[in-house]
Amino acid sequence: MPVAAQNRLKSAQQDQSVGWALASLSLATLLSSLGTSIASVGLPSLMQAFGASFQAVQWVVLAYLLAITTLIVSAGRLADMFGRRPLLLGGIALFTAASVLCGLAPTLWLLIAARAVQGLGAALMMALTLAFVAETVSKERTGSAMGLLGAMSAIGTTLGPSLGGLLIAGLSWRAIFLVNVPLGILTFALAWRALPASKKNAQTAQGKFDAMGTVLLALTLAAYALAMTLGRGNFGPLNIGLLAATSTGIILFGVAQRNAKSPLIQLASFRDPRLSISLAMNVIVATVMMATLVVAPFYLSRGLGLDAAMVGVVLSTGPLVSALSALLAGRLADRFGASRMMVAGLLGLATGTFLLSLAMTQLGIASYVVPITVTCFGYALFQTSNNAAVMSGVGAGERGVISGLLNLSRNLGLITGASMMGAIFAIASAKEQQGVGQQLLSSEAAARGMQVTFQTATALALVALVLALLSARVAGRLEPNVS
């Protein structure tokens, strides 16, 4: 066979191998995002099935999110030490087994415990999918691969409520957890077949696992997450105490990392301004995007007077736009550069949130659909470009931890946004409601709450935009040193 033909055949085989690997990583991303979104729709059914209060059944969602938030960085570190392939396969298997336990749970508290285990499996999957992209895909195609994973995450978020509603209506609440089992088995089989054996980094492989740092970080993140979620934004003594515990935990964690021989996180990594800025932007943008999930339902139902079914349809616009935009965003990042596309994405995000802050109810559904389309396209462009920029510049021995930090920063932003944006909306709408009563939010109050919330979101988006411009300038300065 001629050499040219052999090279073409070899290239085709490599492309096919990469394609199967991306398929398995995409399914893992879909599973973890579906696990987050599908459970929320089942809370009313769980209240009825177990005769429990809303405060009790909300832990079905919180346990999953807390497990991911507190363990995702540790999961990345373990993968850097012992290899990403076995850890990712273990995460998929753990998620699938925990889904069986969730579906068969005889009591609410066993269900909550199983959801925490499921969250651990999801943490492994979320931390390692981004790391595997940098290992399996060429640098020139990193943006496209990140776009694919972003699209699958958005699809999982979009699919969860509708699929969950159909499963509960046709079968029972147990089906929303058991549906993960066949998907998990398929994902495991694909990953087993397609993912390459990861090469251990000599330095990280020889180090010991930082148990003290892991415990301190987990407790600190758990305290912060609980401070932001308990009381639904109404801060009391418990929330203040948890924030104080968070501050103490940050200090203790920093001291522990300086003294550890093999720290969980290399604090020196944060001296790289590009990484620090990227993580900060991730927190800010996630905080902004959470406003669309927390505030929009009230605006659509009270401000525009839509019924529940129509609210659900309109709300699906955002995740659908994100899913469709992510694939295009990846290609744009590959073609024009991640830094430029981050700036473009944040410009789109700021424009969209500004339009949402106008809350012109006289335009009807268009007053939400048009701005949210701009917002979510900007978000997809930023998220894909930011992930690509960070992961393409990370050494092999740190990919797991940095991937975990990217996901952690996003989760912290979502948790912060749920509390902060919800509180801003409540305060702004309450002022508009003065003397009217709080039992039924008026159209004017919902519109006013929407305006103030997204004015805040626009200001945050502009802060992120300034950071992106700073990051692009820093990257330009450092580029000659890299070459």
Protein backbone atom coordinates (compact mmCIF):
# COMPACT_ATOMS: atom_id res chain seq x y z
CA MET A 1 0.00 0.00 0.00
CA PRO A 2 1.39 3.46 -0.90
CA VAL A 3 2.59 5.61 1.99
CA ALA A 4 -0.01 8.32 1.27
CA ALA A 5 -2.81 5.76 1.42
CA GLN A 6 -1.44 4.36 4.68
CA ASN A 7 -1.35 7.85 6.19
CA ARG A 8 -4.94 8.53 5.09
CA LEU A 9 -6.07 5.23 6.60
CA LYS A 10 -4.24 5.95 9.84
CA SER A 11 -5.74 9.45 10.00
CA ALA A 12 -9.24 8.07 9.40
CA GLN A 13 -8.77 5.50 12.18
CA GLN A 14 -7.57 8.19 14.58
CA ASP A 15 -10.56 10.41 13.73
CA GLN A 16 -12.92 7.48 14.34
CA SER A 17 -11.24 6.75 17.68
CA VAL A 18 -11.55 10.39 18.74
CA GLY A 19 -15.19 10.38 17.62
CA TRP A 20 -16.07 7.41 19.84
CA ALA A 21 -14.19 8.97 22.76
CA LEU A 22 -16.12 12.23 22.37
CA ALA A 23 -19.38 10.26 22.18
CA SER A 24 -18.66 8.64 25.55
CA LEU A 25 -17.63 11.99 27.11
CA SER A 26 -20.78 13.62 25.71
CA LEU A 27 -23.00 10.95 27.26
CA ALA A 28 -21.22 11.35 30.60
CA THR A 29 -21.86 15.11 30.44
CA LEU A 30 -25.51 14.48 29.55
CA LEU A 31 -25.94 12.09 32.49
CA SER A 32 -24.54 14.50 35.09
CA SER A 33 -26.64 17.47 33.87
CA LEU A 34 -29.76 15.30 33.55
CA GLY A 35 -29.24 14.16 37.14
CA THR A 36 -29.41 17.80 38.24
CA SER A 37 -32.47 18.91 36.28
CA ILE A 38 -34.71 15.84 36.27
CA ALA A 39 -35.08 15.56 40.06
CA SER A 40 -36.60 19.02 40.58
CA VAL A 41 -39.78 18.15 38.70
CA GLY A 42 -40.34 15.17 41.00
CA LEU A 43 -40.40 17.09 44.29
CA PRO A 44 -44.22 17.41 44.50
CA SER A 45 -44.58 13.66 43.87
CA LEU A 46 -41.97 12.90 46.53
CA MET A 47 -43.83 15.07 49.05
CA GLN A 48 -46.96 13.03 48.40
CA ALA A 49 -45.24 9.62 48.28
CA PHE A 50 -43.35 10.05 51.56
CA GLY A 51 -45.75 12.43 53.30
CA ALA A 52 -42.88 14.88 53.76
CA SER A 53 -42.55 18.67 53.78
CA PHE A 54 -40.97 20.68 51.00
CA GLN A 55 -38.04 21.51 53.31
CA ALA A 56 -37.37 17.77 53.62
CA VAL A 57 -37.74 16.75 49.96
CA GLN A 58 -35.62 19.65 48.69
CA TRP A 59 -32.65 17.72 50.10
CA VAL A 60 -33.10 15.30 47.20
CA VAL A 61 -31.79 18.13 45.01
CA LEU A 62 -29.43 19.71 47.56
CA ALA A 63 -27.66 16.44 48.45
CA TYR A 64 -26.72 15.92 44.80
CA LEU A 65 -25.49 19.49 44.32
CA LEU A 66 -23.59 19.53 47.62
CA ALA A 67 -21.79 16.28 46.78
CA ILE A 68 -20.70 17.67 43.43
CA THR A 69 -19.65 21.04 44.85
CA THR A 70 -17.65 19.67 47.77
CA LEU A 71 -15.93 16.77 45.99
CA ILE A 72 -15.28 17.86 42.40
CA VAL A 73 -11.78 19.26 43.00
CA SER A 74 -10.76 16.19 45.01
CA ALA A 75 -12.06 14.00 42.19
CA GLY A 76 -9.83 15.83 39.73
CA ARG A 77 -6.79 15.46 42.00
CA LEU A 78 -7.38 11.71 42.41
CA ALA A 79 -7.58 11.34 38.65
CA ASP A 80 -4.28 13.19 38.18
CA MET A 81 -2.68 10.78 40.66
CA PHE A 82 -4.16 7.43 39.65
CA GLY A 83 -5.21 7.96 36.04
CA ARG A 84 -8.28 9.57 34.49
CA ARG A 85 -9.65 6.53 32.68
CA PRO A 86 -10.22 4.28 35.75
CA LEU A 87 -11.61 7.20 37.76
CA LEU A 88 -14.04 8.21 35.01
CA LEU A 89 -15.19 4.62 34.55
CA GLY A 90 -15.61 4.37 38.32
CA GLY A 91 -17.66 7.59 38.34
CA ILE A 92 -19.99 6.30 35.62
CA ALA A 93 -20.42 2.98 37.43
CA LEU A 94 -21.04 4.71 40.76
CA PHE A 95 -23.59 7.09 39.23
CA THR A 96 -25.42 4.18 37.59
CA ALA A 97 -25.47 2.03 40.73
CA ALA A 98 -26.65 4.98 42.83
CA SER A 99 -29.45 5.58 40.30
CA VAL A 100 -30.69 2.04 40.99
CA LEU A 101 -30.62 2.74 44.75
CA CYS A 102 -32.50 6.02 44.23
CA GLY A 103 -35.19 4.28 42.19
CA LEU A 104 -35.65 1.52 44.78
CA ALA A 105 -35.31 3.65 47.96
CA PRO A 106 -38.03 2.74 50.49
CA THR A 107 -37.64 5.91 52.58
CA LEU A 108 -36.91 9.55 51.87
CA TRP A 109 -33.67 9.63 53.84
CA LEU A 110 -32.30 6.60 52.01
CA LEU A 111 -33.19 8.36 48.77
CA ILE A 112 -31.29 11.45 49.91
CA ALA A 113 -28.26 9.33 50.86
CA ALA A 114 -28.35 7.61 47.47
CA ARG A 115 -28.55 11.01 45.76
CA ALA A 116 -25.39 12.09 47.60
CA VAL A 117 -23.61 8.98 46.28
CA GLN A 118 -24.98 9.75 42.82
CA GLY A 119 -23.54 13.25 43.18
CA LEU A 120 -20.11 11.76 43.92
CA GLY A 121 -20.31 9.82 40.66
CA ALA A 122 -21.40 12.98 38.85
CA ALA A 123 -18.46 14.90 40.38
CA LEU A 124 -16.05 12.36 38.90
CA MET A 125 -17.72 12.59 35.50
CA MET A 126 -17.84 16.40 35.47
CA ALA A 127 -14.25 16.80 36.63
CA LEU A 128 -12.82 14.37 34.09
CA THR A 129 -14.74 15.01 30.87
CA LEU A 130 -13.04 18.39 30.34
CA ALA A 131 -9.66 16.90 31.28
CA PHE A 132 -10.10 14.06 28.76
CA VAL A 133 -10.83 16.51 25.93
CA ALA A 134 -7.36 18.02 26.28
CA GLU A 135 -5.93 14.50 26.21
CA THR A 136 -7.81 13.09 23.22
CA VAL A 137 -8.36 16.07 20.90
CA SER A 138 -5.76 18.17 19.11
CA LYS A 139 -5.34 21.75 20.31
CA GLU A 140 -6.79 23.08 17.04
CA ARG A 141 -10.08 21.23 17.70
CA THR A 142 -10.36 21.85 21.45
CA GLY A 143 -12.97 24.58 21.01
CA SER A 144 -15.25 22.37 18.91
CA ALA A 145 -14.98 19.54 21.45
CA MET A 146 -15.75 21.91 24.34
CA GLY A 147 -18.73 23.20 22.35
CA LEU A 148 -20.03 19.65 21.97
CA LEU A 149 -19.81 19.03 25.72
CA GLY A 150 -21.50 22.39 26.37
CA ALA A 151 -24.31 21.45 24.01
CA MET A 152 -24.82 18.10 25.75
CA SER A 153 -24.92 19.81 29.15
CA ALA A 154 -27.58 22.23 27.89
CA ILE A 155 -29.56 19.38 26.34
CA GLY A 156 -29.53 17.53 29.67
CA THR A 157 -30.75 20.65 31.45
CA THR A 158 -33.49 21.19 28.85
CA LEU A 159 -34.55 17.55 28.67
CA GLY A 160 -34.75 16.95 32.42
CA PRO A 161 -38.04 18.69 33.34
CA SER A 162 -39.99 17.50 30.28
CA LEU A 163 -38.69 13.92 30.42
CA GLY A 164 -39.21 13.81 34.18
CA GLY A 165 -42.79 15.00 33.84
CA LEU A 166 -43.58 12.34 31.23
CA LEU A 167 -42.01 9.56 33.31
CA ILE A 168 -43.85 10.57 36.48
CA ALA A 169 -47.17 10.87 34.63
CA GLY A 170 -46.75 7.54 32.83
CA LEU A 171 -45.00 5.49 35.52
CA SER A 172 -43.98 6.93 38.91
CA TRP A 173 -41.35 9.13 40.55
CA ARG A 174 -38.99 6.12 40.68
CA ALA A 175 -38.70 6.18 36.88
CA ILE A 176 -36.89 9.56 36.90
CA PHE A 177 -33.95 7.85 38.60
CA LEU A 178 -34.13 4.44 36.94
CA VAL A 179 -34.03 6.03 33.46
CA ASN A 180 -30.36 6.76 34.16
CA VAL A 181 -29.52 3.05 34.40
CA PRO A 182 -29.63 2.08 30.70
CA LEU A 183 -27.98 5.40 29.79
CA GLY A 184 -25.27 4.75 32.37
CA ILE A 185 -24.60 1.24 31.08
CA LEU A 186 -24.32 2.54 27.50
CA THR A 187 -21.97 5.33 28.61
CA PHE A 188 -19.77 2.89 30.55
CA ALA A 189 -19.55 0.52 27.59
CA LEU A 190 -18.58 3.32 25.20
CA ALA A 191 -16.03 4.78 27.60
CA TRP A 192 -14.50 1.34 28.25
CA ARG A 193 -14.10 0.81 24.51
CA ALA A 194 -13.01 4.27 23.36
CA LEU A 195 -11.15 6.17 26.08
CA PRO A 196 -7.36 5.88 25.98
CA ALA A 197 -5.34 4.87 29.00
CA SER A 198 -4.16 8.12 30.55
CA LYS A 199 -0.50 8.61 31.25
CA LYS A 200 0.26 9.32 34.88
CA ASN A 201 2.34 12.37 35.62
CA ALA A 202 5.41 11.23 37.55
CA GLN A 203 5.30 14.08 40.04
CA THR A 204 1.60 13.77 40.91
CA ALA A 205 1.60 9.98 40.85
CA GLN A 206 4.35 9.78 43.47
CA GLY A 207 2.62 12.21 45.82
CA LYS A 208 0.23 11.21 48.58
CA PHE A 209 -3.41 12.17 48.55
CA ASP A 210 -4.03 15.28 50.65
CA ALA A 211 -6.71 13.96 53.00
CA MET A 212 -6.58 16.95 55.36
CA GLY A 213 -6.91 19.43 52.51
CA THR A 214 -9.77 17.41 51.02
CA VAL A 215 -11.73 17.41 54.29
CA LEU A 216 -11.13 21.12 54.91
CA LEU A 217 -12.15 22.07 51.37
CA ALA A 218 -15.25 19.85 51.47
CA LEU A 219 -16.39 21.31 54.82
CA THR A 220 -15.70 24.87 53.65
CA LEU A 221 -17.61 24.45 50.40
CA ALA A 222 -20.48 22.68 52.19
CA ALA A 223 -20.73 25.55 54.70
CA TYR A 224 -20.84 28.11 51.88
CA ALA A 225 -23.38 26.13 49.84
CA LEU A 226 -25.66 25.72 52.86
CA ALA A 227 -25.30 29.41 53.78
CA MET A 228 -26.47 30.34 50.29
CA THR A 229 -29.34 27.84 50.05
CA LEU A 230 -30.89 27.58 53.53
CA GLY A 231 -33.65 30.12 54.09
CA ARG A 232 -33.99 30.85 50.37
CA GLY A 233 -32.02 34.09 50.52
CA ASN A 234 -33.46 35.26 53.87
CA PHE A 235 -30.27 35.50 55.89
CA GLY A 236 -30.54 34.67 59.58
CA PRO A 237 -28.12 33.76 62.38
CA LEU A 238 -27.58 30.27 60.92
CA ASN A 239 -26.58 31.67 57.51
CA ILE A 240 -24.22 34.20 59.10
CA GLY A 241 -22.67 31.46 61.24
CA LEU A 242 -22.13 29.29 58.16
CA LEU A 243 -20.48 32.18 56.30
CA ALA A 244 -18.19 32.73 59.30
CA ALA A 245 -17.34 29.03 59.19
CA THR A 246 -16.63 29.40 55.46
CA SER A 247 -14.17 32.25 56.09
CA THR A 248 -12.41 30.25 58.79
CA GLY A 249 -12.28 27.21 56.51
CA ILE A 250 -10.67 29.22 53.69
CA ILE A 251 -7.90 30.38 56.02
CA LEU A 252 -7.30 26.89 57.42
CA PHE A 253 -7.32 25.38 53.93
CA GLY A 254 -4.75 27.91 52.71
CA VAL A 255 -2.45 27.15 55.66
CA ALA A 256 -2.88 23.39 55.13
CA GLN A 257 -2.01 23.68 51.44
CA ARG A 258 1.16 25.64 52.16
CA ASN A 259 2.33 23.01 54.63
CA ALA A 260 1.29 19.90 52.67
CA LYS A 261 3.98 17.95 50.80
CA SER A 262 1.46 16.97 48.11
CA PRO A 263 -1.25 19.66 48.30
CA LEU A 264 -4.71 19.14 46.85
CA ILE A 265 -4.38 22.43 44.96
CA GLN A 266 -1.09 24.05 44.02
CA LEU A 267 -1.69 27.58 45.28
CA ALA A 268 1.08 28.75 42.97
CA SER A 269 -1.28 27.99 40.06
CA PHE A 270 -3.33 31.04 41.02
CA ARG A 271 -0.30 33.25 40.34
CA ASP A 272 -1.14 32.74 36.69
CA PRO A 273 -3.46 35.72 36.12
CA ARG A 274 -5.19 34.03 33.18
CA LEU A 275 -6.34 31.10 35.32
CA SER A 276 -7.44 33.30 38.22
CA ILE A 277 -9.33 35.65 35.91
CA SER A 278 -10.98 32.74 34.08
CA LEU A 279 -12.22 31.25 37.34
CA ALA A 280 -13.50 34.65 38.53
CA MET A 281 -15.35 35.20 35.24
CA ASN A 282 -16.86 31.72 35.53
CA VAL A 283 -18.29 32.55 38.97
CA ILE A 284 -19.69 35.90 37.80
CA VAL A 285 -21.26 34.55 34.60
CA ALA A 286 -22.87 31.60 36.40
CA THR A 287 -24.29 34.03 38.97
CA VAL A 288 -25.78 36.09 36.14
CA MET A 289 -27.25 33.06 34.37
CA MET A 290 -28.91 31.80 37.55
CA ALA A 291 -31.11 34.90 37.46
CA THR A 292 -32.79 33.56 34.32
CA LEU A 293 -33.78 30.38 36.20
CA VAL A 294 -34.80 32.02 39.48
CA VAL A 295 -36.54 35.20 38.33
CA ALA A 296 -37.90 34.46 34.85
CA PRO A 297 -40.70 32.09 36.00
CA PHE A 298 -42.21 34.86 38.17
CA TYR A 299 -41.99 37.40 35.36
CA LEU A 300 -43.59 35.06 32.85
CA SER A 301 -46.37 33.87 35.14
CA ARG A 302 -47.15 37.11 37.02
CA GLY A 303 -45.77 39.80 34.76
CA LEU A 304 -47.07 38.36 31.47
CA GLY A 305 -49.90 36.24 32.90
CA LEU A 306 -48.89 32.98 31.19
CA ASP A 307 -50.26 29.65 32.42
CA ALA A 308 -47.94 26.97 33.81
CA ALA A 309 -47.69 25.01 30.56
CA MET A 310 -46.78 28.10 28.55
CA VAL A 311 -44.24 29.18 31.17
CA GLY A 312 -42.50 25.83 30.76
CA VAL A 313 -42.42 26.15 26.98
CA VAL A 314 -41.02 29.70 27.05
CA LEU A 315 -38.44 28.81 29.72
CA SER A 316 -37.08 26.05 27.49
CA THR A 317 -35.97 28.73 24.98
CA GLY A 318 -32.82 29.55 26.93
CA PRO A 319 -31.38 26.03 27.32
CA LEU A 320 -32.34 25.24 23.71
CA VAL A 321 -30.45 28.29 22.42
CA SER A 322 -27.46 27.35 24.60
CA ALA A 323 -27.44 23.81 23.21
CA LEU A 324 -27.61 24.95 19.58
CA SER A 325 -25.12 27.79 20.10
CA ALA A 326 -22.46 25.74 21.87
CA LEU A 327 -21.51 23.78 18.74
CA LEU A 328 -21.14 26.99 16.71
CA ALA A 329 -19.29 28.62 19.61
CA GLY A 330 -16.69 25.88 19.58
CA ARG A 331 -15.96 26.37 15.90
CA LEU A 332 -15.75 30.14 16.33
CA ALA A 333 -13.28 29.71 19.20
CA ASP A 334 -11.10 27.42 17.06
CA ARG A 335 -11.18 29.82 14.12
CA PHE A 336 -10.88 33.25 15.72
CA GLY A 337 -9.22 32.46 19.05
CA ALA A 338 -10.65 31.80 22.51
CA SER A 339 -9.77 35.23 23.95
CA ARG A 340 -11.61 37.14 21.23
CA MET A 341 -14.65 34.91 21.51
CA MET A 342 -14.75 35.29 25.30
CA VAL A 343 -14.97 39.06 24.85
CA ALA A 344 -17.63 38.67 22.14
CA GLY A 345 -19.61 36.28 24.31
CA LEU A 346 -19.59 38.63 27.29
CA LEU A 347 -20.67 41.52 25.06
CA GLY A 348 -23.62 39.40 23.98
CA LEU A 349 -24.35 38.44 27.59
CA ALA A 350 -24.32 42.06 28.76
CA THR A 351 -26.53 43.12 25.83
CA GLY A 352 -29.05 40.36 26.54
CA THR A 353 -29.27 41.06 30.28
CA PHE A 354 -29.69 44.79 29.56
CA LEU A 355 -32.64 44.01 27.25
CA LEU A 356 -34.10 41.75 29.96
CA SER A 357 -33.75 44.61 32.46
CA LEU A 358 -36.16 46.69 30.35
CA ALA A 359 -38.94 44.13 31.04
CA MET A 360 -41.36 45.68 28.57
CA THR A 361 -44.50 43.67 29.36
CA GLN A 362 -46.42 45.37 26.55
CA LEU A 363 -44.31 43.35 24.07
CA GLY A 364 -45.60 40.09 25.57
CA ILE A 365 -43.54 36.91 25.21
CA ALA A 366 -41.12 38.65 22.83
CA SER A 367 -39.93 40.80 25.77
CA TYR A 368 -38.38 37.62 27.18
CA VAL A 369 -37.64 35.38 24.18
CA VAL A 370 -35.58 37.90 22.17
CA PRO A 371 -33.32 39.02 25.07
CA ILE A 372 -32.85 35.48 26.41
CA THR A 373 -31.77 34.32 22.94
CA VAL A 374 -29.05 36.99 22.89
CA THR A 375 -28.11 36.21 26.51
CA CYS A 376 -27.79 32.47 26.03
CA PHE A 377 -25.84 32.77 22.78
CA GLY A 378 -23.38 35.04 24.58
CA TYR A 379 -23.21 32.60 27.49
CA ALA A 380 -22.52 29.61 25.24
CA LEU A 381 -19.81 31.53 23.40
CA PHE A 382 -18.14 32.60 26.65
CA GLN A 383 -18.38 29.22 28.38
CA THR A 384 -16.98 27.25 25.44
CA SER A 385 -14.15 29.73 24.81
CA ASN A 386 -13.24 30.02 28.49
CA ASN A 387 -13.07 26.24 28.97
CA ALA A 388 -11.03 25.83 25.78
CA ALA A 389 -8.58 28.59 26.74
CA VAL A 390 -7.98 27.18 30.21
CA MET A 391 -7.73 23.49 29.36
CA SER A 392 -5.54 23.93 26.27
CA GLY A 393 -2.89 25.66 28.38
CA VAL A 394 -2.79 23.18 31.29
CA GLY A 395 -0.06 20.60 31.79
CA ALA A 396 -0.96 16.90 31.80
CA GLY A 397 -0.37 16.55 35.54
CA GLU A 398 -2.90 19.25 36.48
CA ARG A 399 -5.76 18.70 34.03
CA GLY A 400 -7.98 16.90 36.53
CA VAL A 401 -7.64 19.53 39.25
CA ILE A 402 -8.04 22.49 36.87
CA SER A 403 -11.07 20.86 35.26
CA GLY A 404 -12.48 20.41 38.75
CA LEU A 405 -11.82 24.07 39.57
CA LEU A 406 -13.63 25.19 36.40
CA ASN A 407 -16.69 23.15 37.33
CA LEU A 408 -16.44 24.23 40.96
CA SER A 409 -16.35 27.94 40.04
CA ARG A 410 -19.45 27.45 37.89
CA ASN A 411 -21.30 25.63 40.70
CA LEU A 412 -20.36 28.31 43.24
CA GLY A 413 -21.72 30.93 40.85
CA LEU A 414 -25.00 29.05 40.45
CA ILE A 415 -25.37 28.67 44.22
CA THR A 416 -24.54 32.35 44.79
CA GLY A 417 -26.87 33.46 42.02
CA ALA A 418 -29.79 31.42 43.36
CA SER A 419 -29.52 33.22 46.70
CA MET A 420 -28.41 36.70 45.64
CA MET A 421 -30.59 37.16 42.55
CA GLY A 422 -33.58 35.67 44.34
CA ALA A 423 -33.10 38.09 47.24
CA ILE A 424 -32.74 41.10 44.90
CA PHE A 425 -35.93 40.14 43.07
CA ALA A 426 -37.83 39.65 46.34
CA ILE A 427 -36.73 43.03 47.73
CA ALA A 428 -37.44 44.94 44.50
CA SER A 429 -40.84 43.36 43.93
CA ALA A 430 -41.81 43.81 47.59
CA LYS A 431 -41.22 47.57 47.36
CA GLU A 432 -43.54 47.71 44.35
CA GLN A 433 -46.13 45.65 46.30
CA GLN A 434 -46.30 48.03 49.27
CA GLY A 435 -49.82 48.14 50.62
CA VAL A 436 -51.09 45.56 48.13
CA GLY A 437 -50.32 42.37 50.06
CA GLN A 438 -47.83 39.66 49.30
CA GLN A 439 -50.05 36.67 48.65
CA LEU A 440 -50.29 37.31 44.91
CA LEU A 441 -47.48 39.08 43.12
CA SER A 442 -48.85 41.81 40.86
CA SER A 443 -47.79 42.27 37.25
CA GLU A 444 -46.15 45.60 38.07
CA ALA A 445 -44.23 44.13 41.01
CA ALA A 446 -42.98 41.19 38.92
CA ALA A 447 -41.84 43.55 36.14
CA ARG A 448 -40.08 45.84 38.62
CA GLY A 449 -38.33 42.90 40.27
CA MET A 450 -37.23 41.71 36.82
CA GLN A 451 -35.83 45.15 35.96
CA VAL A 452 -33.77 45.57 39.13
CA THR A 453 -32.49 41.99 39.08
CA PHE A 454 -31.24 42.22 35.51
CA GLN A 455 -29.82 45.70 36.02
CA THR A 456 -27.64 44.01 38.64
CA ALA A 457 -26.93 41.14 36.24
CA THR A 458 -25.87 43.62 33.52
CA ALA A 459 -23.45 45.31 35.92
CA LEU A 460 -21.93 41.93 36.77
CA ALA A 461 -21.67 41.00 33.09
CA LEU A 462 -19.78 44.25 32.44
CA VAL A 463 -17.37 43.41 35.29
CA ALA A 464 -16.74 40.03 33.64
CA LEU A 465 -16.21 41.82 30.31
CA VAL A 466 -13.54 44.06 31.85
CA LEU A 467 -11.85 40.97 33.28
CA ALA A 468 -11.95 39.30 29.84
CA LEU A 469 -10.28 42.32 28.25
CA LEU A 470 -7.64 42.24 30.99
CA SER A 471 -7.11 38.51 30.42
CA ALA A 472 -6.71 39.03 26.67
CA ARG A 473 -4.13 41.74 27.34
CA VAL A 474 -2.21 39.49 29.74
CA ALA A 475 -2.33 36.61 27.24
CA GLY A 476 -0.90 38.94 24.58
CA ARG A 477 1.97 39.88 26.86
CA LEU A 478 2.78 36.27 27.73
CA GLU A 479 2.51 34.89 24.21
CA PRO A 480 6.08 35.76 23.16
CA ASN A 481 7.43 33.93 26.21
CA VAL A 482 5.48 30.80 25.28
CA SER A 483 6.90 30.69 21.78
